[in-house]
């Protein structure tokens, strides 16, 4: 577990990851985020998971 944590801390964020995170955290609420997702490739559940993770662990 320590090894995985250490390797995750060294991970460089790729453009597609940053874009998904921006969509997930961009709206004021889930409905606004949902409207912005029109035409995106990932399923909406992925953005809900990212938004929930940001709510639990994100920097404010």
N, C-alpha and C. Protein backbone atom coordinates (compact mmCIF):
# COMPACT_ATOMS: atom_id res chain seq x y z
N UNK A 1 0.81 -1.18 0.00
CA UNK A 1 0.00 0.00 0.00
C UNK A 1 0.86 1.26 0.00
N UNK A 2 1.95 1.21 0.74
CA UNK A 2 2.87 2.35 0.74
C UNK A 2 3.50 2.55 -0.63
N UNK A 3 3.84 1.45 -1.29
CA UNK A 3 4.43 1.54 -2.62
C UNK A 3 3.45 2.16 -3.61
N UNK A 4 2.20 1.75 -3.58
CA UNK A 4 1.19 2.31 -4.48
C UNK A 4 0.99 3.79 -4.19
N UNK A 5 0.94 4.17 -2.94
CA UNK A 5 0.81 5.58 -2.57
C UNK A 5 1.98 6.40 -3.05
N UNK A 6 3.17 5.87 -2.91
CA UNK A 6 4.37 6.59 -3.36
C UNK A 6 4.37 6.73 -4.88
N UNK A 7 4.04 5.66 -5.60
CA UNK A 7 3.99 5.73 -7.06
C UNK A 7 2.89 6.68 -7.53
N UNK A 8 1.75 6.70 -6.85
CA UNK A 8 0.68 7.61 -7.22
C UNK A 8 1.09 9.06 -7.02
N UNK A 9 1.89 9.33 -6.02
CA UNK A 9 2.34 10.70 -5.79
C UNK A 9 3.30 11.18 -6.88
N UNK A 10 3.92 10.26 -7.59
CA UNK A 10 4.84 10.62 -8.68
C UNK A 10 4.14 10.71 -10.03
N UNK A 11 2.86 10.39 -10.08
CA UNK A 11 2.12 10.35 -11.34
C UNK A 11 1.95 11.75 -11.93
N UNK A 12 2.23 11.88 -13.21
CA UNK A 12 2.02 13.14 -13.92
C UNK A 12 0.62 13.09 -14.54
N UNK A 13 -0.16 14.14 -14.30
CA UNK A 13 -1.53 14.19 -14.80
C UNK A 13 -1.51 14.43 -16.30
N UNK A 14 -2.22 13.59 -17.05
CA UNK A 14 -2.31 13.73 -18.49
C UNK A 14 -3.48 14.63 -18.84
N UNK A 15 -3.49 15.12 -20.07
CA UNK A 15 -4.50 16.08 -20.51
C UNK A 15 -5.93 15.54 -20.39
N UNK A 16 -6.14 14.29 -20.75
CA UNK A 16 -7.50 13.73 -20.67
C UNK A 16 -7.96 13.60 -19.21
N UNK A 17 -7.03 13.34 -18.30
CA UNK A 17 -7.38 13.27 -16.88
C UNK A 17 -7.73 14.65 -16.34
N UNK A 18 -6.96 15.65 -16.73
CA UNK A 18 -7.21 17.02 -16.28
C UNK A 18 -8.54 17.53 -16.84
N UNK A 19 -8.85 17.17 -18.08
CA UNK A 19 -10.11 17.60 -18.69
C UNK A 19 -11.30 16.97 -17.96
N UNK A 20 -11.23 15.68 -17.66
CA UNK A 20 -12.31 15.01 -16.94
C UNK A 20 -12.49 15.62 -15.55
N UNK A 21 -11.40 15.92 -14.88
CA UNK A 21 -11.47 16.52 -13.54
C UNK A 21 -12.08 17.92 -13.61
N UNK A 22 -11.73 18.67 -14.65
CA UNK A 22 -12.29 20.01 -14.81
C UNK A 22 -13.79 19.96 -15.05
N UNK A 23 -14.24 19.00 -15.86
CA UNK A 23 -15.68 18.84 -16.08
C UNK A 23 -16.38 18.43 -14.79
N UNK A 24 -15.78 17.54 -14.04
CA UNK A 24 -16.40 17.02 -12.82
C UNK A 24 -16.53 18.09 -11.73
N UNK A 25 -15.60 19.00 -11.66
CA UNK A 25 -15.61 20.00 -10.59
C UNK A 25 -16.07 21.37 -11.07
N UNK A 26 -16.36 21.49 -12.36
CA UNK A 26 -16.65 22.81 -12.93
C UNK A 26 -18.02 23.37 -12.61
N UNK A 27 -19.03 22.57 -12.55
CA UNK A 27 -20.37 23.08 -12.32
C UNK A 27 -20.64 23.41 -10.86
N UNK A 28 -21.59 24.30 -10.64
CA UNK A 28 -21.95 24.66 -9.27
C UNK A 28 -22.67 23.51 -8.57
N UNK A 29 -23.37 22.68 -9.34
CA UNK A 29 -24.03 21.52 -8.78
C UNK A 29 -24.00 20.39 -9.81
N UNK A 30 -24.54 19.25 -9.44
CA UNK A 30 -24.47 18.06 -10.31
C UNK A 30 -25.26 18.29 -11.59
N UNK A 31 -26.39 18.97 -11.51
CA UNK A 31 -27.21 19.22 -12.71
C UNK A 31 -26.45 20.07 -13.73
N UNK A 32 -25.75 21.07 -13.27
CA UNK A 32 -24.96 21.92 -14.17
C UNK A 32 -23.80 21.13 -14.78
N UNK A 33 -23.16 20.29 -13.97
CA UNK A 33 -22.10 19.44 -14.49
C UNK A 33 -22.66 18.50 -15.55
N UNK A 34 -23.84 17.94 -15.30
CA UNK A 34 -24.47 16.99 -16.20
C UNK A 34 -24.73 17.64 -17.56
N UNK A 35 -25.20 18.89 -17.56
CA UNK A 35 -25.48 19.60 -18.82
C UNK A 35 -24.20 19.86 -19.60
N UNK A 36 -23.09 20.09 -18.92
CA UNK A 36 -21.81 20.37 -19.58
C UNK A 36 -21.20 19.12 -20.21
N UNK A 37 -21.68 17.94 -19.84
CA UNK A 37 -21.09 16.69 -20.31
C UNK A 37 -21.57 16.26 -21.69
N UNK A 38 -22.42 17.00 -22.31
CA UNK A 38 -22.97 16.63 -23.61
C UNK A 38 -21.83 16.43 -24.61
N UNK A 39 -21.76 15.23 -25.19
CA UNK A 39 -20.74 14.92 -26.19
C UNK A 39 -19.43 14.39 -25.64
N UNK A 40 -19.32 14.23 -24.34
CA UNK A 40 -18.08 13.69 -23.76
C UNK A 40 -18.04 12.18 -23.92
N UNK A 41 -16.85 11.61 -23.94
CA UNK A 41 -16.68 10.19 -24.19
C UNK A 41 -16.89 9.27 -23.00
N UNK A 42 -16.59 9.74 -21.81
CA UNK A 42 -16.74 8.90 -20.62
C UNK A 42 -18.21 8.86 -20.18
N UNK A 43 -18.60 7.77 -19.52
CA UNK A 43 -19.96 7.72 -18.97
C UNK A 43 -20.11 8.71 -17.82
N UNK A 44 -21.31 9.27 -17.64
CA UNK A 44 -21.52 10.26 -16.58
C UNK A 44 -21.16 9.76 -15.18
N UNK A 45 -21.27 8.45 -14.95
CA UNK A 45 -20.92 7.91 -13.64
C UNK A 45 -19.46 8.21 -13.28
N UNK A 46 -18.58 8.21 -14.26
CA UNK A 46 -17.16 8.50 -14.02
C UNK A 46 -17.00 9.91 -13.44
N UNK A 47 -17.74 10.87 -14.00
CA UNK A 47 -17.65 12.25 -13.52
C UNK A 47 -18.26 12.39 -12.12
N UNK A 48 -19.28 11.61 -11.83
CA UNK A 48 -19.85 11.62 -10.48
C UNK A 48 -18.85 11.06 -9.46
N UNK A 49 -18.12 10.03 -9.86
CA UNK A 49 -17.08 9.47 -8.97
C UNK A 49 -15.98 10.49 -8.73
N UNK A 50 -15.55 11.17 -9.79
CA UNK A 50 -14.52 12.20 -9.63
C UNK A 50 -15.01 13.35 -8.75
N UNK A 51 -16.26 13.75 -8.95
CA UNK A 51 -16.83 14.84 -8.14
C UNK A 51 -16.92 14.43 -6.67
N UNK A 52 -17.33 13.19 -6.41
CA UNK A 52 -17.39 12.70 -5.05
C UNK A 52 -16.01 12.63 -4.40
N UNK A 53 -15.02 12.18 -5.17
CA UNK A 53 -13.66 12.16 -4.64
C UNK A 53 -13.14 13.54 -4.33
N UNK A 54 -13.50 14.49 -5.18
CA UNK A 54 -13.09 15.88 -4.92
C UNK A 54 -13.77 16.42 -3.67
N UNK A 55 -15.03 16.05 -3.49
CA UNK A 55 -15.76 16.51 -2.29
C UNK A 55 -15.14 15.93 -1.02
N UNK A 56 -14.63 14.71 -1.09
CA UNK A 56 -14.03 14.08 0.10
C UNK A 56 -12.59 14.52 0.35
N UNK A 57 -11.79 14.59 -0.74
CA UNK A 57 -10.36 14.78 -0.57
C UNK A 57 -9.79 16.01 -1.26
N UNK A 58 -10.60 16.74 -2.01
CA UNK A 58 -10.10 17.85 -2.82
C UNK A 58 -9.61 19.03 -2.01
N UNK A 59 -8.76 19.80 -2.64
CA UNK A 59 -8.24 21.02 -2.03
C UNK A 59 -9.25 22.14 -2.29
N UNK A 60 -9.57 22.89 -1.29
CA UNK A 60 -10.55 23.98 -1.45
C UNK A 60 -9.87 25.31 -1.42
